[in-house]
């Protein structure tokens, strides 16, 4: 039996608000990420949060691909801006952790998939910037933070030809949406491969890296019920086997 690839999933820290361990910190990631990797034929490995660079280097050595998961707003200080009043909760230490995971994974040339915050981290790490809130984007913006179940698709995206995303989803697809920030200035060596009808960036890819794909929606949530969403994780596993 061939060895299944190990897919590292970046994690965060959650604090118990009540109960016997109120105030206690726990390492966590939403279970949908784990389930999506298992369903696609990979071995999920949750990477515990740390800012110790030597530990992160060792963590990356044991994985065959990386998923940068969703979470807090990216601190605007990472891209040279002061906080806007509409900025959400940030976790600067996690920014450091995610960027180190990204840097070390690129050194190993392993496949990388960014999801929601992960997409924004990839852009900022490449020198790009973010809209700290969708209300700061000129013009009429769609509703990008749906108040409904995670498996519901709420808006369309248009996809560029000759991209990894188009090879998976075609010219357009419907996605779910749970974000209030978005990519503004694009980072070096990245390209936009999908947008919503309001122009909001929904997917980016690296121009030359063998597999660095990032999406603004949450395919791991859709993958609970949607075969099409599962194709993205299937592709990640295929790339990790190469």
Protein backbone atom coordinates (compact mmCIF):
# COMPACT_ATOMS: atom_id res chain seq x y z
CA UNK A 1 0.00 0.00 0.00
CA UNK A 2 1.43 3.38 -1.00
CA UNK A 3 2.18 5.88 1.74
CA UNK A 4 -0.45 8.55 2.21
CA UNK A 5 0.92 12.12 2.17
CA UNK A 6 1.00 14.02 5.45
CA UNK A 7 -0.85 17.34 5.17
CA UNK A 8 0.08 19.92 7.79
CA UNK A 9 -2.74 22.23 8.90
CA UNK A 10 -1.88 25.48 10.65
CA UNK A 11 -3.67 25.94 13.95
CA UNK A 12 -4.61 28.70 16.34
CA UNK A 13 -5.19 29.18 20.05
CA UNK A 14 -8.60 29.36 21.70
CA UNK A 15 -9.31 30.39 25.30
CA UNK A 16 -12.00 28.65 27.36
CA UNK A 17 -14.54 31.27 28.42
CA UNK A 18 -16.23 29.26 31.17
CA UNK A 19 -16.21 25.97 33.02
CA UNK A 20 -13.55 24.33 35.16
CA UNK A 21 -10.75 25.63 32.95
CA UNK A 22 -11.92 29.19 32.25
CA UNK A 23 -9.05 31.19 30.82
CA UNK A 24 -7.21 28.04 29.74
CA UNK A 25 -5.53 28.16 26.32
CA UNK A 26 -6.02 25.32 23.85
CA UNK A 27 -4.46 24.58 20.46
CA UNK A 28 -7.18 24.01 17.86
CA UNK A 29 -8.33 23.98 14.27
CA UNK A 30 -11.84 23.47 12.92
CA UNK A 31 -12.52 19.79 12.32
CA UNK A 32 -13.73 20.38 8.74
CA UNK A 33 -10.09 20.84 7.66
CA UNK A 34 -9.18 17.46 9.13
CA UNK A 35 -12.18 15.73 7.57
CA UNK A 36 -11.52 17.26 4.14
CA UNK A 37 -7.93 15.94 4.13
CA UNK A 38 -8.98 12.46 5.29
CA UNK A 39 -11.71 12.30 2.67
CA UNK A 40 -9.21 13.24 -0.03
CA UNK A 41 -6.83 10.46 0.96
CA UNK A 42 -4.29 12.40 3.02
CA UNK A 43 -3.12 12.19 6.62
CA UNK A 44 -4.00 15.40 8.48
CA UNK A 45 -1.45 16.71 10.96
CA UNK A 46 -2.46 19.73 13.03
CA UNK A 47 0.64 21.88 13.52
CA UNK A 48 0.62 23.33 17.06
CA UNK A 49 1.06 27.10 17.30
CA UNK A 50 4.49 28.35 18.30
CA UNK A 51 6.75 31.27 17.45
CA UNK A 52 9.93 29.24 17.99
CA UNK A 53 11.55 29.27 14.54
CA UNK A 54 13.64 26.17 15.14
CA UNK A 55 10.54 24.24 16.16
CA UNK A 56 8.65 25.46 13.09
CA UNK A 57 11.52 24.39 10.83
CA UNK A 58 11.31 20.90 12.37
CA UNK A 59 7.51 20.84 12.07
CA UNK A 60 7.68 21.55 8.34
CA UNK A 61 10.23 18.78 7.82
CA UNK A 62 7.62 16.10 8.56
CA UNK A 63 4.83 17.27 6.21
CA UNK A 64 4.29 16.75 2.48
CA UNK A 65 1.98 19.74 1.97
CA UNK A 66 0.70 22.72 3.97
CA UNK A 67 -2.76 24.17 4.51
CA UNK A 68 -2.82 27.68 5.98
CA UNK A 69 -6.19 27.80 7.72
CA UNK A 70 -8.58 30.64 8.51
CA UNK A 71 -8.88 32.72 11.66
CA UNK A 72 -8.09 36.20 13.00
CA UNK A 73 -7.61 39.36 10.96
CA UNK A 74 -4.04 39.84 9.79
CA UNK A 75 -2.39 42.71 11.67
CA UNK A 76 -2.12 45.76 9.39
CA UNK A 77 1.35 46.48 10.76
CA UNK A 78 2.51 43.57 8.58
CA UNK A 79 1.75 45.70 5.52
CA UNK A 80 2.62 49.16 6.82
CA UNK A 81 -0.80 50.42 7.90
CA UNK A 82 -2.35 51.64 11.13
CA UNK A 83 -5.52 49.89 12.37
CA UNK A 84 -8.82 51.04 10.92
CA UNK A 85 -11.80 51.26 13.34
CA UNK A 86 -13.42 48.34 11.50
CA UNK A 87 -10.45 46.02 11.96
CA UNK A 88 -11.41 42.83 13.80
CA UNK A 89 -9.44 40.94 16.44
CA UNK A 90 -5.83 40.29 15.51
CA UNK A 91 -3.28 37.73 16.73
CA UNK A 92 0.15 39.10 15.70
CA UNK A 93 2.02 36.10 17.06
CA UNK A 94 0.00 33.84 14.80
CA UNK A 95 0.91 36.05 11.85
CA UNK A 96 4.55 35.31 12.66
CA UNK A 97 3.83 31.59 13.00
CA UNK A 98 1.92 31.37 9.70
CA UNK A 99 4.53 33.35 7.79
CA UNK A 100 7.31 31.14 9.13
CA UNK A 101 5.35 28.02 8.14
CA UNK A 102 4.89 29.50 4.67
CA UNK A 103 8.57 30.46 4.35
CA UNK A 104 9.87 27.08 5.44
CA UNK A 105 7.37 25.19 3.28
CA UNK A 106 8.46 27.18 0.23
CA UNK A 107 12.08 26.29 0.97
CA UNK A 108 11.08 22.63 0.73
CA UNK A 109 9.00 23.28 -2.41
CA UNK A 110 5.99 21.41 -1.01
CA UNK A 111 2.40 22.18 -2.14
CA UNK A 112 0.67 25.01 -0.26
CA UNK A 113 -3.04 25.80 0.00
CA UNK A 114 -4.22 28.98 1.71
CA UNK A 115 -7.82 29.33 2.89
CA UNK A 116 -9.46 32.65 3.84
CA UNK A 117 -6.96 34.18 6.31
CA UNK A 118 -4.38 31.85 4.76
CA UNK A 119 -4.90 33.56 1.41
CA UNK A 120 -4.41 36.96 3.01
CA UNK A 121 -1.25 35.80 4.82
CA UNK A 122 0.22 34.55 1.53
CA UNK A 123 -0.46 37.91 -0.10
CA UNK A 124 0.93 39.98 2.78
CA UNK A 125 4.03 37.78 3.08
CA UNK A 126 4.71 38.55 -0.60
CA UNK A 127 4.55 42.30 0.04
CA UNK A 128 0.87 42.80 -0.71
CA UNK A 129 -1.76 44.68 1.28
CA UNK A 130 -5.32 44.12 2.45
CA UNK A 131 -8.52 46.08 2.71
CA UNK A 132 -9.01 46.07 6.48
CA UNK A 133 -12.77 45.96 5.88
CA UNK A 134 -14.89 45.41 2.78
CA UNK A 135 -16.60 48.76 3.38
CA UNK A 136 -13.31 50.45 2.41
CA UNK A 137 -13.57 49.10 -1.15
CA UNK A 138 -14.99 51.69 -3.57
CA UNK A 139 -18.36 50.91 -5.15
CA UNK A 140 -21.07 48.42 -4.29
CA UNK A 141 -19.77 45.30 -2.56
CA UNK A 142 -21.59 41.98 -2.23
CA UNK A 143 -22.38 40.38 1.09
CA UNK A 144 -19.24 38.40 1.86
CA UNK A 145 -19.97 37.39 5.44
CA UNK A 146 -23.02 35.16 5.16
CA UNK A 147 -25.25 34.64 8.17
CA UNK A 148 -26.24 31.08 7.32
CA UNK A 149 -24.99 27.53 7.47
CA UNK A 150 -21.38 26.91 6.36
CA UNK A 151 -22.37 24.51 3.57
CA UNK A 152 -24.58 27.07 1.79
CA UNK A 153 -23.14 28.67 -1.36
CA UNK A 154 -24.10 32.35 -1.49
CA UNK A 155 -22.37 34.04 -4.44
CA UNK A 156 -20.63 33.32 -7.73
CA UNK A 157 -17.01 33.80 -8.68
CA UNK A 158 -15.54 34.19 -12.15
CA UNK A 159 -12.33 32.25 -12.79
CA UNK A 160 -9.41 33.03 -15.11
CA UNK A 161 -8.45 30.49 -17.75
CA UNK A 162 -5.15 28.60 -17.58
CA UNK A 163 -5.11 28.52 -13.79
CA UNK A 164 -5.12 25.70 -11.27
CA UNK A 165 -8.49 26.92 -9.99
CA UNK A 166 -10.00 26.81 -13.50
CA UNK A 167 -8.70 23.27 -14.01
CA UNK A 168 -10.70 22.28 -10.92
CA UNK A 169 -13.82 24.43 -11.08
CA UNK A 170 -14.10 25.66 -14.67
CA UNK A 171 -14.98 29.24 -15.64
CA UNK A 172 -17.20 29.98 -12.62
CA UNK A 173 -18.52 28.43 -9.46
CA UNK A 174 -20.60 29.23 -6.41
CA UNK A 175 -18.89 29.66 -3.05
CA UNK A 176 -19.64 30.26 0.61
CA UNK A 177 -18.34 33.46 2.20
CA UNK A 178 -17.15 34.28 5.71
CA UNK A 179 -14.78 37.26 5.56
CA UNK A 180 -14.75 41.01 6.04
CA UNK A 181 -11.22 41.67 4.77
CA UNK A 182 -9.93 41.23 1.22
CA UNK A 183 -6.79 41.47 -0.86
CA UNK A 184 -5.96 44.99 -2.09
CA UNK A 185 -2.47 45.37 -3.58
CA UNK A 186 -1.24 42.06 -4.91
CA UNK A 187 2.04 40.63 -3.63
CA UNK A 188 5.12 39.96 -5.77
CA UNK A 189 4.94 36.97 -8.14
CA UNK A 190 1.27 36.35 -7.36
CA UNK A 191 -1.63 36.53 -9.82
CA UNK A 192 -5.38 36.91 -9.33
CA UNK A 193 -7.23 33.92 -10.78
CA UNK A 194 -10.78 34.48 -9.49
CA UNK A 195 -12.99 37.39 -8.49
CA UNK A 196 -16.55 37.94 -7.32
CA UNK A 197 -18.80 40.10 -9.51
CA UNK A 198 -17.97 43.12 -7.32
CA UNK A 199 -14.27 42.72 -8.09
CA UNK A 200 -13.27 41.27 -4.72
CA UNK A 201 -10.34 38.86 -5.12
CA UNK A 202 -11.47 35.28 -4.46
CA UNK A 203 -8.39 33.27 -5.46
CA UNK A 204 -4.70 33.83 -6.12
CA UNK A 205 -1.84 31.63 -7.32
CA UNK A 206 1.92 31.94 -7.48
CA UNK A 207 3.27 32.55 -10.98
CA UNK A 208 6.18 30.10 -10.81
CA UNK A 209 5.96 27.99 -7.62
CA UNK A 210 4.89 24.44 -8.43
CA UNK A 211 1.66 24.57 -6.37
CA UNK A 212 0.76 27.61 -4.29
CA UNK A 213 -2.99 28.23 -4.46
CA UNK A 214 -5.10 30.35 -2.13
CA UNK A 215 -8.85 30.92 -1.93
CA UNK A 216 -10.92 33.44 -0.01
CA UNK A 217 -13.87 31.13 0.59
CA UNK A 218 -14.06 28.01 2.79
CA UNK A 219 -13.95 24.83 0.67
CA UNK A 220 -13.35 22.70 3.77
CA UNK A 221 -16.83 23.66 5.01
CA UNK A 222 -18.44 23.02 1.63
CA UNK A 223 -16.65 19.67 1.36
CA UNK A 224 -18.93 18.26 4.06
CA UNK A 225 -21.67 18.00 1.42
CA UNK A 226 -20.19 19.17 -1.91
CA UNK A 227 -18.27 16.88 -4.27
CA UNK A 228 -17.03 19.85 -6.29
CA UNK A 229 -15.39 21.47 -3.24
CA UNK A 230 -13.64 18.19 -2.47
CA UNK A 231 -11.81 18.39 -5.79
CA UNK A 232 -9.52 21.11 -4.41
CA UNK A 233 -8.34 18.84 -1.61
CA UNK A 234 -8.04 15.91 -4.02
CA UNK A 235 -5.72 18.05 -6.14
CA UNK A 236 -3.65 19.03 -3.10
CA UNK A 237 -3.18 15.37 -2.24
CA UNK A 238 -2.20 14.55 -5.82
CA UNK A 239 0.41 17.30 -5.78
CA UNK A 240 1.74 16.13 -2.41
CA UNK A 241 2.40 12.68 -3.86
CA UNK A 242 4.66 14.02 -6.61
